């Protein structure tokens, strides 16, 4: 499997089913800079996975770290976003996702791409994967950005499901339609996100992080009006 930054290849580590994530060379970058960036991101992701384990979060265990690669345990399960293509996310899944993020933030781990695309329904519970865009930060705004990203993703899935259940033409995604939506529809699309935010707070998320979510969303609305 090939992504924008890395390739994933199923392998084995001392007989244990594993995955090797290898960060690929970027030809547009100067070679020395490219090596520094790929090596730094590889080491950072390995450290983030270790911190996530310390926080009690289900995620791939790191077996080996190379110059540009990480070999980690293969997790078997269903990706949450694929499940959500055929059904709504459950309240329990929202609560699980919120608890995971609160635990990560308790160790100052900011995921950087916290959406259903990086959550897995595994045998032992919900797991989080792909810390490639993550960082270690105590900053409330960095943590709140993880929440905002999840809220937006949940709203997008709700919108798609609303369109699929409608007998009329699909809603076009552009600003004029966004402005024309009723307050009731906006609340319906944001319901899952608000449940996620509430569950995050109940799971031990800091109050200043929760307040910062509102600040970020206010800024976004201001930019849209501009």
N, C-alpha and C. Protein backbone atom coordinates (compact mmCIF):
# COMPACT_ATOMS: atom_id res chain seq x y z
N UNK A 1 0.85 -1.19 0.00
CA UNK A 1 0.00 0.00 0.00
C UNK A 1 0.89 1.24 0.00
N UNK A 2 0.55 2.22 -0.87
CA UNK A 2 1.38 3.41 -1.00
C UNK A 2 0.57 4.65 -0.69
N UNK A 3 1.11 5.49 0.21
CA UNK A 3 0.48 6.76 0.53
C UNK A 3 1.34 7.90 0.02
N UNK A 4 0.97 9.13 0.40
CA UNK A 4 1.70 10.30 -0.08
C UNK A 4 3.10 10.38 0.51
N UNK A 5 3.26 9.92 1.76
CA UNK A 5 4.53 10.04 2.45
C UNK A 5 5.27 8.73 2.62
N UNK A 6 4.52 7.62 2.60
CA UNK A 6 5.16 6.34 2.95
C UNK A 6 4.46 5.17 2.27
N UNK A 7 5.17 4.04 2.26
CA UNK A 7 4.59 2.78 1.80
C UNK A 7 4.39 1.88 3.01
N UNK A 8 3.36 1.04 2.94
CA UNK A 8 3.09 0.06 3.99
C UNK A 8 3.18 -1.32 3.38
N UNK A 9 3.96 -2.19 4.02
CA UNK A 9 4.11 -3.55 3.53
C UNK A 9 3.96 -4.54 4.67
N UNK A 10 3.08 -5.52 4.48
CA UNK A 10 2.88 -6.53 5.51
C UNK A 10 4.10 -7.44 5.53
N UNK A 11 4.59 -7.72 6.74
CA UNK A 11 5.79 -8.54 6.89
C UNK A 11 5.69 -9.37 8.17
N UNK A 12 6.80 -9.84 8.64
CA UNK A 12 6.83 -10.63 9.88
C UNK A 12 8.06 -10.24 10.68
N UNK A 13 7.91 -10.13 11.99
CA UNK A 13 9.03 -9.81 12.87
C UNK A 13 9.12 -10.90 13.93
N UNK A 14 10.17 -11.67 13.91
CA UNK A 14 10.37 -12.87 14.76
C UNK A 14 9.08 -13.70 14.85
N UNK A 15 8.47 -13.88 13.69
CA UNK A 15 7.28 -14.72 13.60
C UNK A 15 5.97 -14.03 13.92
N UNK A 16 6.02 -12.73 14.25
CA UNK A 16 4.79 -11.99 14.60
C UNK A 16 4.33 -11.20 13.38
N UNK A 17 3.06 -11.33 12.98
CA UNK A 17 2.55 -10.54 11.85
C UNK A 17 2.78 -9.05 12.09
N UNK A 18 3.41 -8.40 11.12
CA UNK A 18 3.83 -7.01 11.30
C UNK A 18 3.60 -6.20 10.04
N UNK A 19 3.81 -4.91 10.18
CA UNK A 19 3.73 -3.98 9.05
C UNK A 19 4.98 -3.11 9.07
N UNK A 20 5.60 -2.92 7.92
CA UNK A 20 6.73 -2.00 7.83
C UNK A 20 6.26 -0.74 7.12
N UNK A 21 6.43 0.39 7.79
CA UNK A 21 6.12 1.69 7.19
C UNK A 21 7.44 2.33 6.78
N UNK A 22 7.58 2.59 5.48
CA UNK A 22 8.83 3.15 4.95
C UNK A 22 8.54 4.51 4.32
N UNK A 23 9.22 5.53 4.81
CA UNK A 23 9.06 6.87 4.25
C UNK A 23 9.87 6.99 2.97
N UNK A 24 9.16 7.31 1.87
CA UNK A 24 9.80 7.31 0.55
C UNK A 24 10.54 8.62 0.29
N UNK A 25 11.54 8.51 -0.56
CA UNK A 25 12.35 9.66 -0.95
C UNK A 25 11.51 10.63 -1.79
N UNK A 26 11.71 11.92 -1.56
CA UNK A 26 11.05 12.96 -2.34
C UNK A 26 12.09 13.62 -3.24
N UNK A 27 11.97 13.39 -4.54
CA UNK A 27 12.99 13.85 -5.48
C UNK A 27 13.05 15.37 -5.60
N UNK A 28 11.95 16.06 -5.24
CA UNK A 28 11.95 17.52 -5.37
C UNK A 28 12.75 18.19 -4.25
N UNK A 29 13.11 17.41 -3.20
CA UNK A 29 13.89 17.97 -2.10
C UNK A 29 15.37 17.70 -2.30
N UNK A 30 16.18 18.61 -1.82
CA UNK A 30 17.63 18.42 -1.82
C UNK A 30 17.94 17.16 -0.99
N UNK A 31 18.78 16.24 -1.50
CA UNK A 31 18.98 14.93 -0.85
C UNK A 31 19.30 14.99 0.64
N UNK A 32 20.18 15.89 1.05
CA UNK A 32 20.53 15.96 2.46
C UNK A 32 19.33 16.40 3.30
N UNK A 33 18.58 17.37 2.80
CA UNK A 33 17.38 17.83 3.50
C UNK A 33 16.33 16.73 3.55
N UNK A 34 16.19 16.02 2.45
CA UNK A 34 15.20 14.93 2.38
C UNK A 34 15.50 13.86 3.42
N UNK A 35 16.77 13.50 3.55
CA UNK A 35 17.16 12.49 4.55
C UNK A 35 16.86 12.97 5.96
N UNK A 36 17.14 14.25 6.21
CA UNK A 36 16.90 14.81 7.54
C UNK A 36 15.41 14.81 7.88
N UNK A 37 14.58 15.19 6.91
CA UNK A 37 13.13 15.25 7.14
C UNK A 37 12.56 13.86 7.35
N UNK A 38 12.91 12.93 6.45
CA UNK A 38 12.36 11.57 6.57
C UNK A 38 12.82 10.88 7.85
N UNK A 39 14.10 11.06 8.17
CA UNK A 39 14.62 10.45 9.39
C UNK A 39 13.98 11.04 10.64
N UNK A 40 13.82 12.36 10.66
CA UNK A 40 13.22 13.02 11.81
C UNK A 40 11.77 12.62 12.01
N UNK A 41 11.01 12.55 10.91
CA UNK A 41 9.61 12.16 11.01
C UNK A 41 9.45 10.70 11.44
N UNK A 42 10.36 9.86 10.99
CA UNK A 42 10.32 8.44 11.38
C UNK A 42 10.54 8.29 12.89
N UNK A 43 11.56 8.95 13.39
CA UNK A 43 11.86 8.86 14.83
C UNK A 43 10.73 9.47 15.67
N UNK A 44 10.20 10.59 15.18
CA UNK A 44 9.11 11.25 15.92
C UNK A 44 7.88 10.35 16.01
N UNK A 45 7.52 9.71 14.90
CA UNK A 45 6.35 8.85 14.92
C UNK A 45 6.54 7.66 15.87
N UNK A 46 7.75 7.11 15.89
CA UNK A 46 8.03 6.00 16.81
C UNK A 46 7.87 6.45 18.26
N UNK A 47 8.35 7.65 18.57
CA UNK A 47 8.22 8.17 19.94
C UNK A 47 6.76 8.42 20.30
N UNK A 48 5.99 8.90 19.34
CA UNK A 48 4.57 9.15 19.59
C UNK A 48 3.82 7.86 19.86
N UNK A 49 4.14 6.82 19.13
CA UNK A 49 3.51 5.52 19.36
C UNK A 49 3.86 5.00 20.76
N UNK A 50 5.11 5.21 21.18
CA UNK A 50 5.51 4.79 22.52
C UNK A 50 4.75 5.57 23.58
N UNK A 51 4.58 6.86 23.39
CA UNK A 51 3.82 7.69 24.33
C UNK A 51 2.36 7.26 24.38
N UNK A 52 1.81 6.93 23.22
CA UNK A 52 0.42 6.49 23.16
C UNK A 52 0.24 5.20 23.97
N UNK A 53 1.20 4.30 23.86
CA UNK A 53 1.16 3.07 24.65
C UNK A 53 1.20 3.38 26.15
N UNK A 54 2.05 4.33 26.53
CA UNK A 54 2.15 4.74 27.93
C UNK A 54 0.82 5.30 28.44
N UNK A 55 0.08 5.94 27.54
CA UNK A 55 -1.20 6.53 27.91
C UNK A 55 -2.31 5.47 28.01
N UNK A 56 -2.00 4.23 27.65
CA UNK A 56 -2.99 3.16 27.71
C UNK A 56 -3.88 3.09 26.50
N UNK A 57 -3.39 3.62 25.38
CA UNK A 57 -4.16 3.63 24.13
C UNK A 57 -3.78 2.42 23.29
N UNK A 58 -4.78 1.79 22.69
CA UNK A 58 -4.53 0.66 21.79
C UNK A 58 -4.02 1.21 20.46
N UNK A 59 -2.79 0.83 20.11
CA UNK A 59 -2.16 1.28 18.86
C UNK A 59 -1.07 0.25 18.52
N UNK A 60 -0.51 0.32 17.31
CA UNK A 60 0.51 -0.67 16.95
C UNK A 60 1.74 -0.58 17.85
N UNK A 61 2.22 -1.73 18.32
CA UNK A 61 3.45 -1.79 19.11
C UNK A 61 4.64 -1.71 18.15
N UNK A 62 5.60 -0.88 18.50
CA UNK A 62 6.79 -0.71 17.66
C UNK A 62 7.81 -1.80 17.99
N UNK A 63 8.25 -2.52 16.95
CA UNK A 63 9.25 -3.57 17.13
C UNK A 63 10.66 -3.10 16.77
N UNK A 64 10.74 -2.29 15.72
CA UNK A 64 12.06 -1.92 15.20
C UNK A 64 11.95 -0.58 14.47
N UNK A 65 12.95 0.28 14.69
CA UNK A 65 12.99 1.58 14.01
C UNK A 65 14.27 1.66 13.18
N UNK A 66 14.10 1.83 11.87
CA UNK A 66 15.25 2.00 10.98
C UNK A 66 15.45 3.48 10.68
N UNK A 67 16.34 3.76 9.75
CA UNK A 67 16.62 5.15 9.41
C UNK A 67 15.38 5.85 8.88
N UNK A 68 14.65 5.15 8.00
CA UNK A 68 13.43 5.74 7.42
C UNK A 68 12.22 4.82 7.58
N UNK A 69 12.32 3.82 8.44
CA UNK A 69 11.23 2.84 8.53
C UNK A 69 10.89 2.49 9.98
N UNK A 70 9.65 2.07 10.16
CA UNK A 70 9.19 1.56 11.44
C UNK A 70 8.52 0.22 11.19
N UNK A 71 8.95 -0.80 11.92
CA UNK A 71 8.29 -2.10 11.87
C UNK A 71 7.44 -2.21 13.12
N UNK A 72 6.16 -2.43 12.93
CA UNK A 72 5.22 -2.47 14.06
C UNK A 72 4.25 -3.63 13.92
N UNK A 73 3.61 -3.95 15.02
CA UNK A 73 2.67 -5.07 15.04
C UNK A 73 1.49 -4.80 14.12
N UNK A 74 1.10 -5.82 13.38
CA UNK A 74 -0.07 -5.72 12.51
C UNK A 74 -1.33 -5.84 13.35
N UNK A 75 -2.20 -4.85 13.24
CA UNK A 75 -3.49 -4.89 13.93
C UNK A 75 -4.57 -5.31 12.95
N UNK A 76 -5.36 -6.29 13.35
CA UNK A 76 -6.44 -6.76 12.49
C UNK A 76 -7.76 -6.16 12.96
N UNK A 77 -8.53 -5.66 12.03
CA UNK A 77 -9.81 -5.08 12.39
C UNK A 77 -10.43 -4.35 11.21
N UNK A 78 -11.50 -3.63 11.49
CA UNK A 78 -12.22 -2.88 10.46
C UNK A 78 -12.00 -1.39 10.68
N UNK A 79 -11.66 -0.68 9.61
CA UNK A 79 -11.47 0.76 9.72
C UNK A 79 -12.83 1.43 9.95
N UNK A 80 -12.86 2.35 10.90
CA UNK A 80 -14.12 2.99 11.27
C UNK A 80 -14.75 3.73 10.10
N UNK A 81 -13.95 4.42 9.31
CA UNK A 81 -14.53 5.20 8.21
C UNK A 81 -15.21 4.30 7.17
N UNK A 82 -14.68 3.09 6.99
CA UNK A 82 -15.30 2.16 6.05
C UNK A 82 -16.64 1.67 6.59
N UNK A 83 -16.69 1.42 7.89
CA UNK A 83 -17.95 1.03 8.52
C UNK A 83 -18.99 2.13 8.39
N UNK A 84 -18.54 3.37 8.52
CA UNK A 84 -19.46 4.52 8.47
C UNK A 84 -19.99 4.81 7.08
N UNK A 85 -19.43 4.16 6.07
CA UNK A 85 -19.98 4.31 4.72
C UNK A 85 -21.34 3.62 4.60
N UNK A 86 -21.56 2.63 5.49
CA UNK A 86 -22.81 1.88 5.41
C UNK A 86 -23.75 2.10 6.57
N UNK A 87 -23.29 2.83 7.59
CA UNK A 87 -24.15 3.04 8.76
C UNK A 87 -23.67 4.25 9.54
N UNK A 88 -24.48 4.70 10.48
CA UNK A 88 -24.09 5.80 11.35
C UNK A 88 -23.12 5.32 12.42
N UNK A 89 -22.28 6.21 12.86
CA UNK A 89 -21.41 5.92 13.99
C UNK A 89 -22.27 5.79 15.24
N UNK A 90 -21.94 4.87 16.13
CA UNK A 90 -22.74 4.68 17.34
C UNK A 90 -22.25 5.61 18.45
N UNK A 91 -23.10 5.80 19.45
CA UNK A 91 -22.71 6.62 20.60
C UNK A 91 -21.52 6.00 21.32
N UNK A 92 -21.48 4.69 21.38
CA UNK A 92 -20.36 4.01 22.02
C UNK A 92 -19.06 4.25 21.28
N UNK A 93 -19.10 4.25 19.95
CA UNK A 93 -17.90 4.51 19.16
C UNK A 93 -17.44 5.95 19.33
N UNK A 94 -18.38 6.87 19.39
CA UNK A 94 -18.03 8.28 19.63
C UNK A 94 -17.33 8.41 20.98
N UNK A 95 -17.90 7.76 22.01
CA UNK A 95 -17.31 7.81 23.35
C UNK A 95 -15.92 7.19 23.37
N UNK A 96 -15.74 6.07 22.67
CA UNK A 96 -14.43 5.41 22.61
C UNK A 96 -13.39 6.31 21.94
N UNK A 97 -13.79 6.93 20.84
CA UNK A 97 -12.88 7.82 20.11
C UNK A 97 -12.48 9.01 20.98
N UNK A 98 -13.45 9.54 21.73
CA UNK A 98 -13.17 10.67 22.62
C UNK A 98 -12.24 10.27 23.75
N UNK A 99 -12.45 9.09 24.31
CA UNK A 99 -11.59 8.61 25.41
C UNK A 99 -10.15 8.44 24.93
N UNK A 100 -10.00 7.89 23.73
CA UNK A 100 -8.65 7.71 23.17
C UNK A 100 -7.95 9.05 23.05
N UNK A 101 -8.64 10.04 22.51
CA UNK A 101 -8.01 11.35 22.31
C UNK A 101 -7.68 12.01 23.64
N UNK A 102 -8.57 11.89 24.61
CA UNK A 102 -8.29 12.46 25.93
C UNK A 102 -7.05 11.82 26.55
N UNK A 103 -6.89 10.51 26.38
CA UNK A 103 -5.70 9.81 26.89
C UNK A 103 -4.44 10.28 26.18
N UNK A 104 -4.51 10.41 24.85
CA UNK A 104 -3.36 10.91 24.10
C UNK A 104 -2.96 12.30 24.60
N UNK A 105 -3.94 13.17 24.74
CA UNK A 105 -3.67 14.54 25.17
C UNK A 105 -3.13 14.60 26.59
N UNK A 106 -3.47 13.62 27.42
CA UNK A 106 -2.93 13.60 28.78
C UNK A 106 -1.42 13.41 28.78
N UNK A 107 -0.89 12.85 27.69
CA UNK A 107 0.55 12.68 27.51
C UNK A 107 1.12 13.70 26.53
N UNK A 108 0.32 14.74 26.22
CA UNK A 108 0.71 15.81 25.29
C UNK A 108 0.95 15.30 23.87
N UNK A 109 0.29 14.20 23.51
CA UNK A 109 0.37 13.68 22.14
C UNK A 109 -0.77 14.27 21.33
N UNK A 110 -0.42 15.03 20.30
CA UNK A 110 -1.41 15.56 19.35
C UNK A 110 -1.30 14.71 18.08
N UNK A 111 -2.41 14.12 17.67
CA UNK A 111 -2.36 13.16 16.56
C UNK A 111 -2.09 13.82 15.22
N UNK A 112 -2.74 14.95 14.99
CA UNK A 112 -2.52 15.68 13.74
C UNK A 112 -3.45 15.31 12.61
N UNK A 113 -4.10 14.16 12.69
CA UNK A 113 -5.05 13.73 11.65
C UNK A 113 -6.08 12.81 12.29
N UNK A 114 -6.71 13.30 13.36
CA UNK A 114 -7.61 12.46 14.15
C UNK A 114 -9.01 12.45 13.53
N UNK A 115 -9.25 11.42 12.71
CA UNK A 115 -10.52 11.24 12.01
C UNK A 115 -10.86 9.75 12.00
N UNK A 116 -12.08 9.39 11.58
CA UNK A 116 -12.42 7.96 11.48
C UNK A 116 -11.50 7.18 10.54
N UNK A 117 -10.79 7.88 9.65
CA UNK A 117 -9.87 7.20 8.72
C UNK A 117 -8.67 6.61 9.45
N UNK A 118 -8.41 7.07 10.67
CA UNK A 118 -7.27 6.57 11.43
C UNK A 118 -7.68 5.88 12.73
N UNK A 119 -8.93 5.43 12.76
CA UNK A 119 -9.43 4.66 13.89
C UNK A 119 -9.88 3.29 13.40
N UNK A 120 -9.53 2.26 14.17
CA UNK A 120 -9.82 0.89 13.77
C UNK A 120 -10.64 0.19 14.85
N UNK A 121 -11.63 -0.58 14.41
CA UNK A 121 -12.41 -1.42 15.32
C UNK A 121 -11.71 -2.77 15.37
N UNK A 122 -10.83 -2.93 16.35
CA UNK A 122 -10.03 -4.15 16.48
C UNK A 122 -10.67 -5.11 17.48
N UNK A 123 -10.11 -6.30 17.59
CA UNK A 123 -10.64 -7.34 18.47
C UNK A 123 -10.67 -6.88 19.92
N UNK A 124 -9.63 -6.14 20.32
CA UNK A 124 -9.52 -5.72 21.73
C UNK A 124 -10.10 -4.34 21.99
N UNK A 125 -10.77 -3.76 21.00
CA UNK A 125 -11.37 -2.44 21.19
C UNK A 125 -10.96 -1.50 20.07
N UNK A 126 -11.27 -0.23 20.25
CA UNK A 126 -10.91 0.76 19.23
C UNK A 126 -9.43 1.10 19.33
N UNK A 127 -8.78 1.14 18.16
CA UNK A 127 -7.35 1.45 18.09
C UNK A 127 -7.13 2.68 17.22
N UNK A 128 -6.03 3.36 17.47
CA UNK A 128 -5.67 4.52 16.65
C UNK A 128 -4.37 4.21 15.92
N UNK A 129 -4.29 4.64 14.67
CA UNK A 129 -3.11 4.37 13.84
C UNK A 129 -2.61 5.67 13.21
N UNK A 130 -1.48 5.58 12.55
CA UNK A 130 -0.88 6.63 11.72
C UNK A 130 -0.68 7.95 12.46
N UNK A 131 0.45 8.02 13.16
CA UNK A 131 0.83 9.24 13.87
C UNK A 131 1.81 10.08 13.04
N UNK A 132 1.80 9.88 11.74
CA UNK A 132 2.75 10.53 10.85
C UNK A 132 2.70 12.04 10.86
N UNK A 133 1.54 12.62 11.19
CA UNK A 133 1.41 14.08 11.24
C UNK A 133 1.36 14.58 12.68
N UNK A 134 1.65 13.70 13.60
CA UNK A 134 1.52 14.04 15.02
C UNK A 134 2.70 14.82 15.58
N UNK A 135 2.52 15.24 16.83
CA UNK A 135 3.56 15.99 17.52
C UNK A 135 3.36 15.88 19.03
N UNK A 136 4.38 16.24 19.77
CA UNK A 136 4.26 16.35 21.22
C UNK A 136 4.10 17.84 21.53
N UNK A 137 2.98 18.19 22.14
CA UNK A 137 2.73 19.60 22.43
C UNK A 137 1.79 19.73 23.63
N UNK A 138 2.13 20.60 24.58
CA UNK A 138 1.23 20.86 25.70
C UNK A 138 0.21 21.95 25.37
N UNK A 139 0.31 22.52 24.17
CA UNK A 139 -0.50 23.68 23.79
C UNK A 139 -1.97 23.31 23.62
N UNK A 140 -2.85 24.07 24.25
CA UNK A 140 -4.28 23.79 24.19
C UNK A 140 -4.83 23.91 22.77
N UNK A 141 -4.29 24.83 21.99
CA UNK A 141 -4.79 25.01 20.63
C UNK A 141 -4.43 23.81 19.75
N UNK A 142 -3.24 23.26 19.92
CA UNK A 142 -2.85 22.08 19.15
C UNK A 142 -3.79 20.90 19.46
N UNK A 143 -4.12 20.74 20.75
CA UNK A 143 -5.01 19.67 21.15
C UNK A 143 -6.43 19.91 20.64
N UNK A 144 -6.88 21.17 20.72
CA UNK A 144 -8.22 21.51 20.25
C UNK A 144 -8.35 21.27 18.75
N UNK A 145 -7.25 21.44 18.02
CA UNK A 145 -7.28 21.22 16.57
C UNK A 145 -7.61 19.77 16.25
N UNK A 146 -7.12 18.83 17.07
CA UNK A 146 -7.49 17.41 16.90
C UNK A 146 -9.01 17.24 17.01
N UNK A 147 -9.61 17.92 17.98
CA UNK A 147 -11.06 17.81 18.20
C UNK A 147 -11.82 18.41 17.04
N UNK A 148 -11.40 19.59 16.59
CA UNK A 148 -12.06 20.26 15.47
C UNK A 148 -12.02 19.39 14.22
N UNK A 149 -10.89 18.75 14.00
CA UNK A 149 -10.75 17.88 12.83
C UNK A 149 -11.74 16.72 12.88
N UNK A 150 -11.88 16.11 14.06
CA UNK A 150 -12.84 15.02 14.21
C UNK A 150 -14.27 15.52 14.03
N UNK A 151 -14.60 16.67 14.61
CA UNK A 151 -15.95 17.21 14.47
C UNK A 151 -16.30 17.46 13.00
N UNK A 152 -15.36 18.03 12.26
CA UNK A 152 -15.59 18.29 10.83
C UNK A 152 -15.79 16.99 10.06
N UNK A 153 -14.98 15.98 10.39
CA UNK A 153 -15.07 14.70 9.71
C UNK A 153 -16.42 14.04 9.99
N UNK A 154 -16.87 14.08 11.24
CA UNK A 154 -18.17 13.49 11.59
C UNK A 154 -19.31 14.22 10.88
N UNK A 155 -19.20 15.54 10.77
CA UNK A 155 -20.23 16.32 10.08
C UNK A 155 -20.29 15.96 8.60
N UNK A 156 -19.11 15.72 8.00
CA UNK A 156 -19.05 15.34 6.59
C UNK A 156 -19.73 13.99 6.37
N UNK A 157 -19.46 13.03 7.25
CA UNK A 157 -20.12 11.73 7.13
C UNK A 157 -21.63 11.87 7.31
N UNK A 158 -22.07 12.72 8.23
CA UNK A 158 -23.50 12.93 8.46
C UNK A 158 -24.15 13.53 7.22
N UNK A 159 -23.44 14.43 6.57
CA UNK A 159 -23.96 15.07 5.36
C UNK A 159 -24.13 14.06 4.23
N UNK A 160 -23.12 13.21 4.05
CA UNK A 160 -23.18 12.18 3.01
C UNK A 160 -24.35 11.23 3.27
N UNK A 161 -24.52 10.84 4.53
CA UNK A 161 -25.61 9.93 4.88
C UNK A 161 -26.96 10.58 4.67
N UNK A 162 -27.05 11.88 4.94
CA UNK A 162 -28.29 12.62 4.71
C UNK A 162 -28.62 12.66 3.22
N UNK A 163 -27.60 12.88 2.40
CA UNK A 163 -27.80 12.92 0.96
C UNK A 163 -28.25 11.55 0.43
N UNK A 164 -27.61 10.50 0.94
CA UNK A 164 -27.93 9.16 0.46
C UNK A 164 -29.35 8.74 0.83
N UNK A 165 -29.84 9.26 1.96
CA UNK A 165 -31.18 8.89 2.40
C UNK A 165 -32.27 9.76 1.77
N UNK A 166 -31.85 10.82 1.08
CA UNK A 166 -32.81 11.73 0.47
C UNK A 166 -33.25 11.22 -0.89
N UNK A 167 -34.50 11.43 -1.21
CA UNK A 167 -35.01 11.01 -2.52
C UNK A 167 -34.75 12.07 -3.58
N UNK A 168 -34.38 13.28 -3.12
CA UNK A 168 -34.14 14.37 -4.06
C UNK A 168 -32.72 14.34 -4.57
N UNK A 169 -32.32 15.39 -5.35
CA UNK A 169 -30.97 15.48 -5.88
C UNK A 169 -29.95 15.70 -4.77
N UNK A 170 -28.73 15.28 -5.02
CA UNK A 170 -27.67 15.45 -4.05
C UNK A 170 -27.41 16.92 -3.78
N UNK A 171 -27.11 17.22 -2.52
CA UNK A 171 -26.77 18.59 -2.15
C UNK A 171 -25.39 18.89 -2.67
N UNK A 172 -25.24 20.04 -3.33
CA UNK A 172 -23.94 20.44 -3.85
C UNK A 172 -23.13 21.09 -2.74
N UNK A 173 -21.85 20.69 -2.60
CA UNK A 173 -21.03 21.21 -1.52
C UNK A 173 -20.30 22.48 -1.96
N UNK A 174 -20.93 23.62 -1.79
CA UNK A 174 -20.24 24.88 -2.02
C UNK A 174 -20.81 25.92 -1.06
N UNK A 175 -20.20 27.07 -1.01
CA UNK A 175 -20.50 28.04 0.04
C UNK A 175 -21.93 28.55 0.00
N UNK A 176 -22.51 28.72 -1.19
CA UNK A 176 -23.86 29.25 -1.27
C UNK A 176 -24.86 28.31 -0.61
N UNK A 177 -24.65 27.00 -0.77
CA UNK A 177 -25.53 26.03 -0.13
C UNK A 177 -25.31 26.04 1.37
N UNK A 178 -24.03 26.15 1.77
CA UNK A 178 -23.69 26.18 3.20
C UNK A 178 -24.41 27.34 3.88
N UNK A 179 -24.44 28.51 3.22
CA UNK A 179 -25.10 29.67 3.81
C UNK A 179 -26.61 29.48 3.87
N UNK A 180 -27.13 28.73 2.91
CA UNK A 180 -28.57 28.57 2.82
C UNK A 180 -29.14 27.49 3.72
N UNK A 181 -28.29 26.74 4.38
CA UNK A 181 -28.78 25.68 5.25
C UNK A 181 -29.51 26.27 6.45
N UNK A 182 -30.54 25.59 6.85
CA UNK A 182 -31.28 26.02 8.04
C UNK A 182 -30.45 25.73 9.28
N UNK A 183 -30.75 26.46 10.35
CA UNK A 183 -30.08 26.23 11.62
C UNK A 183 -30.33 24.81 12.10
N UNK A 184 -31.55 24.31 11.84
CA UNK A 184 -31.91 22.95 12.25
C UNK A 184 -31.03 21.92 11.55
N UNK A 185 -30.79 22.13 10.24
CA UNK A 185 -29.95 21.18 9.49
C UNK A 185 -28.51 21.22 9.99
N UNK A 186 -28.00 22.43 10.26
CA UNK A 186 -26.63 22.55 10.74
C UNK A 186 -26.46 21.84 12.07
N UNK A 187 -27.46 21.97 12.94
CA UNK A 187 -27.41 21.30 14.23
C UNK A 187 -27.43 19.78 14.06
N UNK A 188 -28.23 19.32 13.10
CA UNK A 188 -28.32 17.87 12.84
C UNK A 188 -26.98 17.34 12.35
N UNK A 189 -26.33 18.09 11.44
CA UNK A 189 -25.05 17.65 10.89
C UNK A 189 -23.95 17.69 11.95
N UNK A 190 -24.09 18.60 12.92
CA UNK A 190 -23.06 18.73 13.95
C UNK A 190 -23.33 17.94 15.22
N UNK A 191 -24.41 17.17 15.24
CA UNK A 191 -24.79 16.45 16.46
C UNK A 191 -23.71 15.48 16.93
N UNK A 192 -23.18 14.68 16.01
CA UNK A 192 -22.15 13.70 16.39
C UNK A 192 -20.91 14.40 16.92
N UNK A 193 -20.56 15.52 16.30
CA UNK A 193 -19.39 16.27 16.74
C UNK A 193 -19.55 16.82 18.15
N UNK A 194 -20.75 17.32 18.46
CA UNK A 194 -21.01 17.84 19.79
C UNK A 194 -20.98 16.72 20.83
N UNK A 195 -21.48 15.54 20.43
CA UNK A 195 -21.41 14.38 21.33
C UNK A 195 -19.95 14.01 21.59
N UNK A 196 -19.13 14.10 20.54
CA UNK A 196 -17.71 13.79 20.68
C UNK A 196 -17.05 14.77 21.65
N UNK A 197 -17.34 16.06 21.51
CA UNK A 197 -16.75 17.07 22.38
C UNK A 197 -17.17 16.85 23.83
N UNK A 198 -18.45 16.55 24.03
CA UNK A 198 -18.96 16.29 25.38
C UNK A 198 -18.30 15.06 25.99
N UNK A 199 -18.16 14.00 25.18
CA UNK A 199 -17.53 12.77 25.66
C UNK A 199 -16.06 13.00 25.98
N UNK A 200 -15.39 13.85 25.21
CA UNK A 200 -13.99 14.18 25.46
C UNK A 200 -13.84 14.85 26.82
N UNK A 201 -14.73 15.79 27.12
CA UNK A 201 -14.69 16.48 28.40
C UNK A 201 -14.94 15.50 29.56
N UNK A 202 -15.91 14.60 29.38
CA UNK A 202 -16.23 13.62 30.42
C UNK A 202 -15.10 12.63 30.63
N UNK A 203 -14.30 12.40 29.58
CA UNK A 203 -13.19 11.45 29.66
C UNK A 203 -11.94 12.06 30.28
N UNK A 204 -12.03 13.31 30.71
CA UNK A 204 -10.88 13.94 31.36
C UNK A 204 -10.18 14.99 30.53
N UNK A 205 -10.74 15.32 29.36
CA UNK A 205 -10.15 16.38 28.54
C UNK A 205 -10.18 17.70 29.30
N UNK A 206 -9.12 18.48 29.17
CA UNK A 206 -9.00 19.73 29.92
C UNK A 206 -10.02 20.77 29.45
N UNK A 207 -10.56 21.53 30.41
CA UNK A 207 -11.57 22.54 30.10
C UNK A 207 -11.02 23.60 29.15
N UNK A 208 -9.74 23.98 29.29
CA UNK A 208 -9.19 25.01 28.41
C UNK A 208 -9.08 24.52 26.96
N UNK A 209 -8.90 23.21 26.80
CA UNK A 209 -8.88 22.65 25.44
C UNK A 209 -10.28 22.71 24.84
N UNK A 210 -11.29 22.35 25.64
CA UNK A 210 -12.68 22.39 25.18
C UNK A 210 -13.07 23.82 24.81
N UNK A 211 -12.66 24.79 25.61
CA UNK A 211 -12.97 26.20 25.30
C UNK A 211 -12.28 26.64 24.02
N UNK A 212 -11.08 26.16 23.81
CA UNK A 212 -10.32 26.55 22.61
C UNK A 212 -10.98 26.05 21.33
N UNK A 213 -11.71 24.93 21.40
CA UNK A 213 -12.44 24.41 20.24
C UNK A 213 -13.40 25.49 19.72
N UNK A 214 -14.12 26.11 20.64
CA UNK A 214 -15.06 27.17 20.26
C UNK A 214 -14.34 28.34 19.61
N UNK A 215 -13.17 28.70 20.13
CA UNK A 215 -12.40 29.81 19.58
C UNK A 215 -11.96 29.51 18.14
N UNK A 216 -11.48 28.31 17.91
CA UNK A 216 -11.03 27.93 16.57
C UNK A 216 -12.20 27.95 15.59
N UNK A 217 -13.35 27.44 16.02
CA UNK A 217 -14.52 27.41 15.14
C UNK A 217 -15.04 28.81 14.84
N UNK A 218 -14.94 29.71 15.81
CA UNK A 218 -15.35 31.11 15.57
C UNK A 218 -14.47 31.75 14.51
N UNK A 219 -13.16 31.48 14.61
CA UNK A 219 -12.23 32.01 13.61
C UNK A 219 -12.57 31.50 12.22
N UNK A 220 -12.89 30.20 12.14
CA UNK A 220 -13.21 29.58 10.84
C UNK A 220 -14.46 30.21 10.24
N UNK A 221 -15.48 30.47 11.07
CA UNK A 221 -16.71 31.10 10.57
C UNK A 221 -16.44 32.51 10.08
N UNK A 222 -15.56 33.21 10.78
CA UNK A 222 -15.20 34.58 10.37
C UNK A 222 -14.51 34.56 9.01
N UNK A 223 -13.59 33.60 8.83
CA UNK A 223 -12.89 33.47 7.56
C UNK A 223 -13.84 33.14 6.43
N UNK A 224 -14.86 32.30 6.70
CA UNK A 224 -15.83 31.95 5.66
C UNK A 224 -16.64 33.17 5.23
N UNK A 225 -16.98 34.04 6.18
CA UNK A 225 -17.74 35.24 5.85
C UNK A 225 -16.93 36.19 4.99
N UNK A 226 -15.61 36.19 5.24
CA UNK A 226 -14.72 37.02 4.45
C UNK A 226 -14.67 36.54 2.98
